[in-house]
């Protein structure tokens, strides 16, 4: 619901709006991915807590999945901060 609200406010830009799910299964974050993401005017980062997010988010909402490494964190907030800082 929150993502749909943001997309409706952005109108034309919403079609191309990257929705990034931060997950251990995603592609490994790197400088080249940071540069790729920096080309976007806006990003939506979705991060789960403990057991993650509903599978429907992965299947129907996220346009990409990113991981910051092969280790366990309590949630995706730190991963989101890494992405924001690098981008």
PDB file of N, CA and C in Angstrom:
ATOM      1  N   UNK A   1       0.821  -1.188   0.000  1.00  0.00           N
ATOM      2  CA  UNK A   1       0.000   0.000   0.000  1.00  0.00           C
ATOM      3  C   UNK A   1       0.868   1.257   0.000  1.00  0.00           C
ATOM      4  N   UNK A   2       1.929   1.272   0.782  1.00  0.00           N
ATOM      5  CA  UNK A   2       2.804   2.447   0.841  1.00  0.00           C
ATOM      6  C   UNK A   2       3.481   2.695  -0.497  1.00  0.00           C
ATOM      7  N   UNK A   3       3.948   1.638  -1.150  1.00  0.00           N
ATOM      8  CA  UNK A   3       4.624   1.786  -2.441  1.00  0.00           C
ATOM      9  C   UNK A   3       3.642   2.279  -3.495  1.00  0.00           C
ATOM     10  N   UNK A   4       2.439   1.754  -3.507  1.00  0.00           N
ATOM     11  CA  UNK A   4       1.433   2.192  -4.475  1.00  0.00           C
ATOM     12  C   UNK A   4       1.090   3.663  -4.276  1.00  0.00           C
ATOM     13  N   UNK A   5       1.059   4.115  -3.041  1.00  0.00           N
ATOM     14  CA  UNK A   5       0.807   5.528  -2.753  1.00  0.00           C
ATOM     15  C   UNK A   5       1.905   6.411  -3.342  1.00  0.00           C
ATOM     16  N   UNK A   6       3.144   5.991  -3.175  1.00  0.00           N
ATOM     17  CA  UNK A   6       4.274   6.744  -3.725  1.00  0.00           C
ATOM     18  C   UNK A   6       4.191   6.767  -5.245  1.00  0.00           C
ATOM     19  N   UNK A   7       3.928   5.622  -5.849  1.00  0.00           N
ATOM     20  CA  UNK A   7       3.856   5.544  -7.307  1.00  0.00           C
ATOM     21  C   UNK A   7       2.735   6.416  -7.866  1.00  0.00           C
ATOM     22  N   UNK A   8       1.611   6.480  -7.179  1.00  0.00           N
ATOM     23  CA  UNK A   8       0.503   7.300  -7.672  1.00  0.00           C
ATOM     24  C   UNK A   8       0.830   8.787  -7.602  1.00  0.00           C
ATOM     25  N   UNK A   9       1.636   9.188  -6.643  1.00  0.00           N
ATOM     26  CA  UNK A   9       2.056  10.589  -6.535  1.00  0.00           C
ATOM     27  C   UNK A   9       3.041  10.978  -7.630  1.00  0.00           C
ATOM     28  N   UNK A  10       3.805  10.011  -8.114  1.00  0.00           N
ATOM     29  CA  UNK A  10       4.868  10.304  -9.073  1.00  0.00           C
ATOM     30  C   UNK A  10       4.388  10.255 -10.521  1.00  0.00           C
ATOM     31  N   UNK A  11       3.222   9.765 -10.783  1.00  0.00           N
ATOM     32  CA  UNK A  11       2.594   9.693 -12.094  1.00  0.00           C
ATOM     33  C   UNK A  11       3.505   9.136 -13.182  1.00  0.00           C
ATOM     34  N   UNK A  12       3.996   9.980 -14.108  1.00  0.00           N
ATOM     35  CA  UNK A  12       4.767   9.499 -15.258  1.00  0.00           C
ATOM     36  C   UNK A  12       6.030   8.754 -14.845  1.00  0.00           C
ATOM     37  N   UNK A  13       6.706   9.226 -13.816  1.00  0.00           N
ATOM     38  CA  UNK A  13       7.962   8.611 -13.401  1.00  0.00           C
ATOM     39  C   UNK A  13       7.761   7.234 -12.774  1.00  0.00           C
ATOM     40  N   UNK A  14       6.563   6.938 -12.329  1.00  0.00           N
ATOM     41  CA  UNK A  14       6.305   5.704 -11.585  1.00  0.00           C
ATOM     42  C   UNK A  14       6.562   4.453 -12.413  1.00  0.00           C
ATOM     43  N   UNK A  15       6.352   4.520 -13.716  1.00  0.00           N
ATOM     44  CA  UNK A  15       6.552   3.345 -14.567  1.00  0.00           C
ATOM     45  C   UNK A  15       7.993   2.863 -14.551  1.00  0.00           C
ATOM     46  N   UNK A  16       8.942   3.779 -14.440  1.00  0.00           N
ATOM     47  CA  UNK A  16      10.358   3.435 -14.489  1.00  0.00           C
ATOM     48  C   UNK A  16      11.011   3.434 -13.109  1.00  0.00           C
ATOM     49  N   UNK A  17      10.219   3.549 -12.069  1.00  0.00           N
ATOM     50  CA  UNK A  17      10.736   3.653 -10.712  1.00  0.00           C
ATOM     51  C   UNK A  17      11.284   2.313 -10.232  1.00  0.00           C
ATOM     52  N   UNK A  18      12.599   2.220  -9.968  1.00  0.00           N
ATOM     53  CA  UNK A  18      13.163   0.971  -9.459  1.00  0.00           C
ATOM     54  C   UNK A  18      12.682   0.701  -8.030  1.00  0.00           C
ATOM     55  N   UNK A  19      12.223  -0.514  -7.810  1.00  0.00           N
ATOM     56  CA  UNK A  19      11.800  -0.949  -6.482  1.00  0.00           C
ATOM     57  C   UNK A  19      12.740  -2.079  -6.091  1.00  0.00           C
ATOM     58  N   UNK A  20      13.671  -1.765  -5.201  1.00  0.00           N
ATOM     59  CA  UNK A  20      14.750  -2.677  -4.837  1.00  0.00           C
ATOM     60  C   UNK A  20      14.404  -3.391  -3.533  1.00  0.00           C
ATOM     61  N   UNK A  21      14.393  -4.714  -3.582  1.00  0.00           N
ATOM     62  CA  UNK A  21      14.208  -5.527  -2.385  1.00  0.00           C
ATOM     63  C   UNK A  21      15.587  -5.951  -1.895  1.00  0.00           C
ATOM     64  N   UNK A  22      15.919  -5.584  -0.679  1.00  0.00           N
ATOM     65  CA  UNK A  22      17.207  -5.952  -0.087  1.00  0.00           C
ATOM     66  C   UNK A  22      17.051  -7.323   0.557  1.00  0.00           C
ATOM     67  N   UNK A  23      17.755  -8.297   0.000  1.00  0.00           N
ATOM     68  CA  UNK A  23      17.564  -9.686   0.389  1.00  0.00           C
ATOM     69  C   UNK A  23      18.855 -10.477   0.212  1.00  0.00           C
ATOM     70  N   UNK A  24      19.078 -11.498   1.025  1.00  0.00           N
ATOM     71  CA  UNK A  24      20.291 -12.313   0.866  1.00  0.00           C
ATOM     72  C   UNK A  24      20.368 -13.016  -0.489  1.00  0.00           C
ATOM     73  N   UNK A  25      19.223 -13.224  -1.141  1.00  0.00           N
ATOM     74  CA  UNK A  25      19.201 -13.921  -2.423  1.00  0.00           C
ATOM     75  C   UNK A  25      19.500 -13.009  -3.611  1.00  0.00           C
ATOM     76  N   UNK A  26      19.591 -11.712  -3.379  1.00  0.00           N
ATOM     77  CA  UNK A  26      19.774 -10.765  -4.480  1.00  0.00           C
ATOM     78  C   UNK A  26      21.172 -10.775  -5.062  1.00  0.00           C
ATOM     79  N   UNK A  27      21.341 -10.016  -6.153  1.00  0.00           N
ATOM     80  CA  UNK A  27      22.676  -9.902  -6.751  1.00  0.00           C
ATOM     81  C   UNK A  27      23.565  -9.096  -5.812  1.00  0.00           C
ATOM     82  N   UNK A  28      24.819  -9.453  -5.765  1.00  0.00           N
ATOM     83  CA  UNK A  28      25.758  -8.861  -4.817  1.00  0.00           C
ATOM     84  C   UNK A  28      26.032  -7.400  -5.170  1.00  0.00           C
ATOM     85  N   UNK A  29      25.792  -6.521  -4.217  1.00  0.00           N
ATOM     86  CA  UNK A  29      25.975  -5.085  -4.413  1.00  0.00           C
ATOM     87  C   UNK A  29      27.442  -4.774  -4.665  1.00  0.00           C
ATOM     88  N   UNK A  30      27.686  -3.915  -5.638  1.00  0.00           N
ATOM     89  CA  UNK A  30      29.048  -3.541  -6.017  1.00  0.00           C
ATOM     90  C   UNK A  30      29.054  -2.085  -6.470  1.00  0.00           C
ATOM     91  N   UNK A  31      30.234  -1.568  -6.745  1.00  0.00           N
ATOM     92  CA  UNK A  31      30.346  -0.196  -7.227  1.00  0.00           C
ATOM     93  C   UNK A  31      29.625  -0.029  -8.563  1.00  0.00           C
ATOM     94  N   UNK A  32      29.689  -1.031  -9.416  1.00  0.00           N
ATOM     95  CA  UNK A  32      29.006  -0.918 -10.712  1.00  0.00           C
ATOM     96  C   UNK A  32      27.487  -0.877 -10.537  1.00  0.00           C
ATOM     97  N   UNK A  33      26.958  -1.613  -9.573  1.00  0.00           N
ATOM     98  CA  UNK A  33      25.520  -1.542  -9.296  1.00  0.00           C
ATOM     99  C   UNK A  33      25.174  -0.183  -8.702  1.00  0.00           C
ATOM    100  N   UNK A  34      26.029   0.344  -7.835  1.00  0.00           N
ATOM    101  CA  UNK A  34      25.801   1.683  -7.279  1.00  0.00           C
ATOM    102  C   UNK A  34      25.744   2.716  -8.401  1.00  0.00           C
ATOM    103  N   UNK A  35      26.646   2.617  -9.353  1.00  0.00           N
ATOM    104  CA  UNK A  35      26.645   3.551 -10.484  1.00  0.00           C
ATOM    105  C   UNK A  35      25.383   3.386 -11.327  1.00  0.00           C
ATOM    106  N   UNK A  36      24.977   2.152 -11.539  1.00  0.00           N
ATOM    107  CA  UNK A  36      23.743   1.876 -12.289  1.00  0.00           C
ATOM    108  C   UNK A  36      22.541   2.518 -11.591  1.00  0.00           C
ATOM    109  N   UNK A  37      22.435   2.326 -10.289  1.00  0.00           N
ATOM    110  CA  UNK A  37      21.311   2.881  -9.530  1.00  0.00           C
ATOM    111  C   UNK A  37      21.357   4.403  -9.468  1.00  0.00           C
ATOM    112  N   UNK A  38      22.554   4.970  -9.508  1.00  0.00           N
ATOM    113  CA  UNK A  38      22.688   6.428  -9.409  1.00  0.00           C
ATOM    114  C   UNK A  38      22.122   7.147 -10.630  1.00  0.00           C
ATOM    115  N   UNK A  39      21.873   6.438 -11.696  1.00  0.00           N
ATOM    116  CA  UNK A  39      21.292   7.044 -12.901  1.00  0.00           C
ATOM    117  C   UNK A  39      19.799   7.327 -12.739  1.00  0.00           C
ATOM    118  N   UNK A  40      19.204   6.795 -11.689  1.00  0.00           N
ATOM    119  CA  UNK A  40      17.775   7.000 -11.438  1.00  0.00           C
ATOM    120  C   UNK A  40      17.564   8.237 -10.586  1.00  0.00           C
ATOM    121  N   UNK A  41      16.502   8.947 -10.888  1.00  0.00           N
ATOM    122  CA  UNK A  41      16.161  10.127 -10.092  1.00  0.00           C
ATOM    123  C   UNK A  41      15.642   9.720  -8.709  1.00  0.00           C
ATOM    124  N   UNK A  42      14.921   8.602  -8.658  1.00  0.00           N
ATOM    125  CA  UNK A  42      14.342   8.100  -7.409  1.00  0.00           C
ATOM    126  C   UNK A  42      14.529   6.593  -7.329  1.00  0.00           C
ATOM    127  N   UNK A  43      14.572   6.074  -6.115  1.00  0.00           N
ATOM    128  CA  UNK A  43      14.609   4.636  -5.846  1.00  0.00           C
ATOM    129  C   UNK A  43      13.674   4.350  -4.679  1.00  0.00           C
ATOM    130  N   UNK A  44      13.091   3.180  -4.688  1.00  0.00           N
ATOM    131  CA  UNK A  44      12.379   2.694  -3.505  1.00  0.00           C
ATOM    132  C   UNK A  44      13.153   1.483  -3.006  1.00  0.00           C
ATOM    133  N   UNK A  45      13.566   1.526  -1.748  1.00  0.00           N
ATOM    134  CA  UNK A  45      14.270   0.409  -1.120  1.00  0.00           C
ATOM    135  C   UNK A  45      13.323  -0.251  -0.124  1.00  0.00           C
ATOM    136  N   UNK A  46      13.145  -1.546  -0.263  1.00  0.00           N
ATOM    137  CA  UNK A  46      12.292  -2.300   0.655  1.00  0.00           C
ATOM    138  C   UNK A  46      13.184  -3.242   1.442  1.00  0.00           C
ATOM    139  N   UNK A  47      13.108  -3.143   2.759  1.00  0.00           N
ATOM    140  CA  UNK A  47      13.926  -4.027   3.587  1.00  0.00           C
ATOM    141  C   UNK A  47      13.047  -4.697   4.638  1.00  0.00           C
ATOM    142  N   UNK A  48      13.278  -5.975   4.803  1.00  0.00           N
ATOM    143  CA  UNK A  48      12.525  -6.742   5.784  1.00  0.00           C
ATOM    144  C   UNK A  48      13.182  -6.685   7.151  1.00  0.00           C
ATOM    145  N   UNK A  49      12.527  -7.288   8.098  1.00  0.00           N
ATOM    146  CA  UNK A  49      13.043  -7.356   9.464  1.00  0.00           C
ATOM    147  C   UNK A  49      12.923  -8.795   9.931  1.00  0.00           C
ATOM    148  N   UNK A  50      13.965  -9.361  10.485  1.00  0.00           N
ATOM    149  CA  UNK A  50      14.017 -10.745  10.962  1.00  0.00           C
ATOM    150  C   UNK A  50      13.729 -11.738   9.841  1.00  0.00           C
ATOM    151  N   UNK A  51      12.474 -12.106   9.641  1.00  0.00           N
ATOM    152  CA  UNK A  51      12.154 -13.149   8.663  1.00  0.00           C
ATOM    153  C   UNK A  51      11.806 -12.593   7.289  1.00  0.00           C
ATOM    154  N   UNK A  52      12.104 -11.348   7.022  1.00  0.00           N
ATOM    155  CA  UNK A  52      11.927 -10.804   5.683  1.00  0.00           C
ATOM    156  C   UNK A  52      10.552 -10.241   5.417  1.00  0.00           C
ATOM    157  N   UNK A  53      10.218 -10.194   4.139  1.00  0.00           N
ATOM    158  CA  UNK A  53       8.942  -9.639   3.702  1.00  0.00           C
ATOM    159  C   UNK A  53       8.126 -10.743   3.036  1.00  0.00           C
ATOM    160  N   UNK A  54       6.873 -10.470   2.841  1.00  0.00           N
ATOM    161  CA  UNK A  54       5.974 -11.416   2.191  1.00  0.00           C
ATOM    162  C   UNK A  54       6.498 -11.763   0.790  1.00  0.00           C
ATOM    163  N   UNK A  55       6.407 -13.011   0.419  1.00  0.00           N
ATOM    164  CA  UNK A  55       6.891 -13.482  -0.890  1.00  0.00           C
ATOM    165  C   UNK A  55       6.226 -12.741  -2.049  1.00  0.00           C
ATOM    166  N   UNK A  56       5.012 -12.258  -1.847  1.00  0.00           N
ATOM    167  CA  UNK A  56       4.315 -11.525  -2.908  1.00  0.00           C
ATOM    168  C   UNK A  56       5.044 -10.244  -3.278  1.00  0.00           C
ATOM    169  N   UNK A  57       5.775  -9.655  -2.328  1.00  0.00           N
ATOM    170  CA  UNK A  57       6.575  -8.464  -2.639  1.00  0.00           C
ATOM    171  C   UNK A  57       7.631  -8.824  -3.673  1.00  0.00           C
ATOM    172  N   UNK A  58       8.314  -9.924  -3.459  1.00  0.00           N
ATOM    173  CA  UNK A  58       9.346 -10.384  -4.398  1.00  0.00           C
ATOM    174  C   UNK A  58       8.729 -10.694  -5.764  1.00  0.00           C
ATOM    175  N   UNK A  59       7.608 -11.366  -5.765  1.00  0.00           N
ATOM    176  CA  UNK A  59       7.006 -11.826  -7.013  1.00  0.00           C
ATOM    177  C   UNK A  59       6.333 -10.728  -7.821  1.00  0.00           C
ATOM    178  N   UNK A  60       5.683  -9.776  -7.151  1.00  0.00           N
ATOM    179  CA  UNK A  60       4.814  -8.841  -7.864  1.00  0.00           C
ATOM    180  C   UNK A  60       5.206  -7.370  -7.777  1.00  0.00           C
ATOM    181  N   UNK A  61       6.093  -7.012  -6.890  1.00  0.00           N
ATOM    182  CA  UNK A  61       6.371  -5.593  -6.679  1.00  0.00           C
ATOM    183  C   UNK A  61       7.813  -5.218  -6.976  1.00  0.00           C
ATOM    184  N   UNK A  62       8.750  -5.986  -6.474  1.00  0.00           N
ATOM    185  CA  UNK A  62      10.170  -5.648  -6.635  1.00  0.00           C
ATOM    186  C   UNK A  62      10.596  -5.769  -8.096  1.00  0.00           C
ATOM    187  N   UNK A  63      11.403  -4.804  -8.533  1.00  0.00           N
ATOM    188  CA  UNK A  63      11.966  -4.860  -9.882  1.00  0.00           C
ATOM    189  C   UNK A  63      13.392  -5.395  -9.858  1.00  0.00           C
ATOM    190  N   UNK A  64      13.989  -5.467  -8.675  1.00  0.00           N
ATOM    191  CA  UNK A  64      15.356  -5.964  -8.533  1.00  0.00           C
ATOM    192  C   UNK A  64      15.553  -6.414  -7.091  1.00  0.00           C
ATOM    193  N   UNK A  65      16.509  -7.322  -6.891  1.00  0.00           N
ATOM    194  CA  UNK A  65      16.881  -7.762  -5.549  1.00  0.00           C
ATOM    195  C   UNK A  65      18.379  -7.584  -5.398  1.00  0.00           C
ATOM    196  N   UNK A  66      18.780  -7.013  -4.267  1.00  0.00           N
ATOM    197  CA  UNK A  66      20.197  -6.748  -4.011  1.00  0.00           C
ATOM    198  C   UNK A  66      20.563  -7.277  -2.633  1.00  0.00           C
ATOM    199  N   UNK A  67      21.763  -7.846  -2.542  1.00  0.00           N
ATOM    200  CA  UNK A  67      22.352  -8.310  -1.289  1.00  0.00           C
ATOM    201  C   UNK A  67      23.643  -7.533  -1.061  1.00  0.00           C
ATOM    202  N   UNK A  68      23.945  -7.215   0.192  1.00  0.00           N
ATOM    203  CA  UNK A  68      25.222  -6.535   0.455  1.00  0.00           C
ATOM    204  C   UNK A  68      26.302  -7.505   0.910  1.00  0.00           C
ATOM    205  N   UNK A  69      25.977  -8.786   1.019  1.00  0.00           N
ATOM    206  CA  UNK A  69      27.012  -9.741   1.398  1.00  0.00           C
ATOM    207  C   UNK A  69      26.449 -11.031   1.939  1.00  0.00           C
ATOM    208  N   UNK A  70      27.347 -11.969   2.150  1.00  0.00           N
ATOM    209  CA  UNK A  70      26.985 -13.309   2.588  1.00  0.00           C
ATOM    210  C   UNK A  70      27.124 -13.426   4.107  1.00  0.00           C
ATOM    211  N   UNK A  71      26.239 -12.749   4.817  1.00  0.00           N
ATOM    212  CA  UNK A  71      26.209 -12.810   6.276  1.00  0.00           C
ATOM    213  C   UNK A  71      24.808 -12.434   6.735  1.00  0.00           C
ATOM    214  N   UNK A  72      24.506 -12.689   7.989  1.00  0.00           N
ATOM    215  CA  UNK A  72      23.161 -12.483   8.518  1.00  0.00           C
ATOM    216  C   UNK A  72      23.091 -11.173   9.292  1.00  0.00           C
ATOM    217  N   UNK A  73      22.070 -10.378   8.973  1.00  0.00           N
ATOM    218  CA  UNK A  73      21.766  -9.155   9.718  1.00  0.00           C
ATOM    219  C   UNK A  73      20.367  -9.307  10.314  1.00  0.00           C
ATOM    220  N   UNK A  74      20.057  -8.515  11.318  1.00  0.00           N
ATOM    221  CA  UNK A  74      18.735  -8.565  11.929  1.00  0.00           C
ATOM    222  C   UNK A  74      17.644  -8.002  11.035  1.00  0.00           C
ATOM    223  N   UNK A  75      18.026  -7.193  10.085  1.00  0.00           N
ATOM    224  CA  UNK A  75      17.059  -6.585   9.175  1.00  0.00           C
ATOM    225  C   UNK A  75      17.777  -5.917   8.024  1.00  0.00           C
ATOM    226  N   UNK A  76      17.010  -5.377   7.120  1.00  0.00           N
ATOM    227  CA  UNK A  76      17.585  -4.768   5.931  1.00  0.00           C
ATOM    228  C   UNK A  76      17.927  -3.301   6.057  1.00  0.00           C
ATOM    229  N   UNK A  77      17.722  -2.722   7.233  1.00  0.00           N
ATOM    230  CA  UNK A  77      17.969  -1.285   7.390  1.00  0.00           C
ATOM    231  C   UNK A  77      19.429  -0.921   7.148  1.00  0.00           C
ATOM    232  N   UNK A  78      20.344  -1.723   7.665  1.00  0.00           N
ATOM    233  CA  UNK A  78      21.769  -1.440   7.449  1.00  0.00           C
ATOM    234  C   UNK A  78      22.136  -1.596   5.980  1.00  0.00           C
ATOM    235  N   UNK A  79      21.572  -2.600   5.333  1.00  0.00           N
ATOM    236  CA  UNK A  79      21.811  -2.781   3.901  1.00  0.00           C
ATOM    237  C   UNK A  79      21.304  -1.570   3.124  1.00  0.00           C
ATOM    238  N   UNK A  80      20.144  -1.060   3.500  1.00  0.00           N
ATOM    239  CA  UNK A  80      19.600   0.128   2.836  1.00  0.00           C
ATOM    240  C   UNK A  80      20.527   1.324   3.021  1.00  0.00           C
ATOM    241  N   UNK A  81      21.093   1.471   4.217  1.00  0.00           N
ATOM    242  CA  UNK A  81      22.019   2.587   4.458  1.00  0.00           C
ATOM    243  C   UNK A  81      23.268   2.459   3.602  1.00  0.00           C
ATOM    244  N   UNK A  82      23.766   1.241   3.427  1.00  0.00           N
ATOM    245  CA  UNK A  82      24.937   1.011   2.572  1.00  0.00           C
ATOM    246  C   UNK A  82      24.620   1.435   1.141  1.00  0.00           C
ATOM    247  N   UNK A  83      23.470   1.013   0.638  1.00  0.00           N
ATOM    248  CA  UNK A  83      23.076   1.360  -0.730  1.00  0.00           C
ATOM    249  C   UNK A  83      22.919   2.869  -0.875  1.00  0.00           C
ATOM    250  N   UNK A  84      22.231   3.498   0.055  1.00  0.00           N
ATOM    251  CA  UNK A  84      22.022   4.948  -0.008  1.00  0.00           C
ATOM    252  C   UNK A  84      23.348   5.687   0.013  1.00  0.00           C
ATOM    253  N   UNK A  85      24.247   5.296   0.886  1.00  0.00           N
ATOM    254  CA  UNK A  85      25.537   5.979   0.987  1.00  0.00           C
ATOM    255  C   UNK A  85      26.353   5.815  -0.295  1.00  0.00           C
ATOM    256  N   UNK A  86      26.344   4.630  -0.875  1.00  0.00           N
ATOM    257  CA  UNK A  86      27.137   4.375  -2.085  1.00  0.00           C
ATOM    258  C   UNK A  86      26.538   5.042  -3.318  1.00  0.00           C
ATOM    259  N   UNK A  87      25.219   5.117  -3.354  1.00  0.00           N
ATOM    260  CA  UNK A  87      24.560   5.703  -4.528  1.00  0.00           C
ATOM    261  C   UNK A  87      24.617   7.208  -4.434  1.00  0.00           C
TER     262      UNK A  87
END
